[in-house]
Amino acid sequence: MVTFQNGGNVGIGTPAPGTKLDVNGLVRVYQTATTTCSSTVEGSIFYNSSNKQFWGCDGANWNPL
């Protein structure tokens, strides 16, 4: 179930999302392509399955989380 509210909140697995993205259940994050960390992807995360590590972009560099 996906719910879209007039205020812009989106819910996945919930009929009443309380935030911009509200997920009731697991979220899977993994790397599908190599992306350069820059201000356009700042705040992004990915999971590297080869080293079993999550990484986050600070606007300039990918850092292990």
C-alpha atoms as a PDB file:
ATOM      1  CA  MET A   1       0.000   0.000   0.000  1.00  0.00           C
ATOM      2  CA  VAL A   2       1.284   3.470  -0.927  1.00  0.00           C
ATOM      3  CA  THR A   3      -0.454   6.564   0.450  1.00  0.00           C
ATOM      4  CA  PHE A   4      -0.043  10.090  -0.921  1.00  0.00           C
ATOM      5  CA  GLN A   5      -1.358  12.934   1.238  1.00  0.00           C
ATOM      6  CA  ASN A   6      -2.222  16.434   0.033  1.00  0.00           C
ATOM      7  CA  GLY A   7       0.446  17.937   2.335  1.00  0.00           C
ATOM      8  CA  GLY A   8       3.172  16.001   0.520  1.00  0.00           C
ATOM      9  CA  ASN A   9       3.645  13.101   2.936  1.00  0.00           C
ATOM     10  CA  VAL A  10       4.084   9.649   1.397  1.00  0.00           C
ATOM     11  CA  GLY A  11       3.442   6.444   3.284  1.00  0.00           C
ATOM     12  CA  ILE A  12       4.542   2.956   2.336  1.00  0.00           C
ATOM     13  CA  GLY A  13       2.757   0.311   4.359  1.00  0.00           C
ATOM     14  CA  THR A  14       0.906   2.945   6.382  1.00  0.00           C
ATOM     15  CA  PRO A  15      -2.375   4.740   5.623  1.00  0.00           C
ATOM     16  CA  ALA A  16      -1.438   7.823   7.701  1.00  0.00           C
ATOM     17  CA  PRO A  17       2.151   8.965   7.042  1.00  0.00           C
ATOM     18  CA  GLY A  18       3.391  11.378   9.693  1.00  0.00           C
ATOM     19  CA  THR A  19       6.485  12.611   7.805  1.00  0.00           C
ATOM     20  CA  LYS A  20       7.572  13.283   4.208  1.00  0.00           C
ATOM     21  CA  LEU A  21       8.453   9.573   3.865  1.00  0.00           C
ATOM     22  CA  ASP A  22       6.978   7.171   6.396  1.00  0.00           C
ATOM     23  CA  VAL A  23       7.747   3.477   5.910  1.00  0.00           C
ATOM     24  CA  ASN A  24       6.164   0.716   7.979  1.00  0.00           C
ATOM     25  CA  GLY A  25       8.535  -2.182   7.339  1.00  0.00           C
ATOM     26  CA  LEU A  26      12.095  -2.781   6.210  1.00  0.00           C
ATOM     27  CA  VAL A  27      13.875  -0.479   3.774  1.00  0.00           C
ATOM     28  CA  ARG A  28      16.509  -1.936   1.466  1.00  0.00           C
ATOM     29  CA  VAL A  29      19.361   0.323   0.380  1.00  0.00           C
ATOM     30  CA  TYR A  30      22.100  -0.887  -1.920  1.00  0.00           C
ATOM     31  CA  GLN A  31      24.478   0.437  -4.510  1.00  0.00           C
ATOM     32  CA  THR A  32      23.320   0.069  -8.098  1.00  0.00           C
ATOM     33  CA  ALA A  33      25.919   2.288  -9.753  1.00  0.00           C
ATOM     34  CA  THR A  34      29.024   4.241  -8.860  1.00  0.00           C
ATOM     35  CA  THR A  35      28.072   7.839  -8.167  1.00  0.00           C
ATOM     36  CA  THR A  36      30.440  10.682  -7.360  1.00  0.00           C
ATOM     37  CA  CYS A  37      29.698  12.265  -4.002  1.00  0.00           C
ATOM     38  CA  SER A  38      28.849  15.932  -4.580  1.00  0.00           C
ATOM     39  CA  SER A  39      26.464  18.600  -3.317  1.00  0.00           C
ATOM     40  CA  THR A  40      23.756  17.232  -5.636  1.00  0.00           C
ATOM     41  CA  VAL A  41      23.700  13.860  -3.802  1.00  0.00           C
ATOM     42  CA  GLU A  42      24.606  15.123  -0.297  1.00  0.00           C
ATOM     43  CA  GLY A  43      22.740  13.103   2.326  1.00  0.00           C
ATOM     44  CA  SER A  44      22.588   9.992   0.147  1.00  0.00           C
ATOM     45  CA  ILE A  45      23.493   6.587   1.535  1.00  0.00           C
ATOM     46  CA  PHE A  46      24.339   3.257  -0.031  1.00  0.00           C
ATOM     47  CA  TYR A  47      25.261  -0.238   1.089  1.00  0.00           C
ATOM     48  CA  ASN A  48      28.362  -1.892  -0.326  1.00  0.00           C
ATOM     49  CA  SER A  49      27.721  -5.632  -0.221  1.00  0.00           C
ATOM     50  CA  SER A  50      31.359  -6.563  -0.903  1.00  0.00           C
ATOM     51  CA  ASN A  51      32.655  -4.974   2.320  1.00  0.00           C
ATOM     52  CA  LYS A  52      29.328  -5.103   4.217  1.00  0.00           C
ATOM     53  CA  GLN A  53      29.423  -1.363   4.925  1.00  0.00           C
ATOM     54  CA  PHE A  54      26.967   1.541   4.695  1.00  0.00           C
ATOM     55  CA  TRP A  55      28.363   4.791   3.264  1.00  0.00           C
ATOM     56  CA  GLY A  56      27.055   8.364   3.431  1.00  0.00           C
ATOM     57  CA  CYS A  57      27.773  11.370   1.209  1.00  0.00           C
ATOM     58  CA  ASP A  58      28.654  14.586   3.064  1.00  0.00           C
ATOM     59  CA  GLY A  59      28.619  16.675  -0.119  1.00  0.00           C
ATOM     60  CA  ALA A  60      32.280  16.035  -0.924  1.00  0.00           C
ATOM     61  CA  ASN A  61      33.233  12.511   0.169  1.00  0.00           C
ATOM     62  CA  TRP A  62      31.693   9.091   0.789  1.00  0.00           C
ATOM     63  CA  ASN A  63      32.255   8.196   4.455  1.00  0.00           C
ATOM     64  CA  PRO A  64      31.654   4.889   6.226  1.00  0.00           C
ATOM     65  CA  LEU A  65      28.707   5.044   8.601  1.00  0.00           C
END
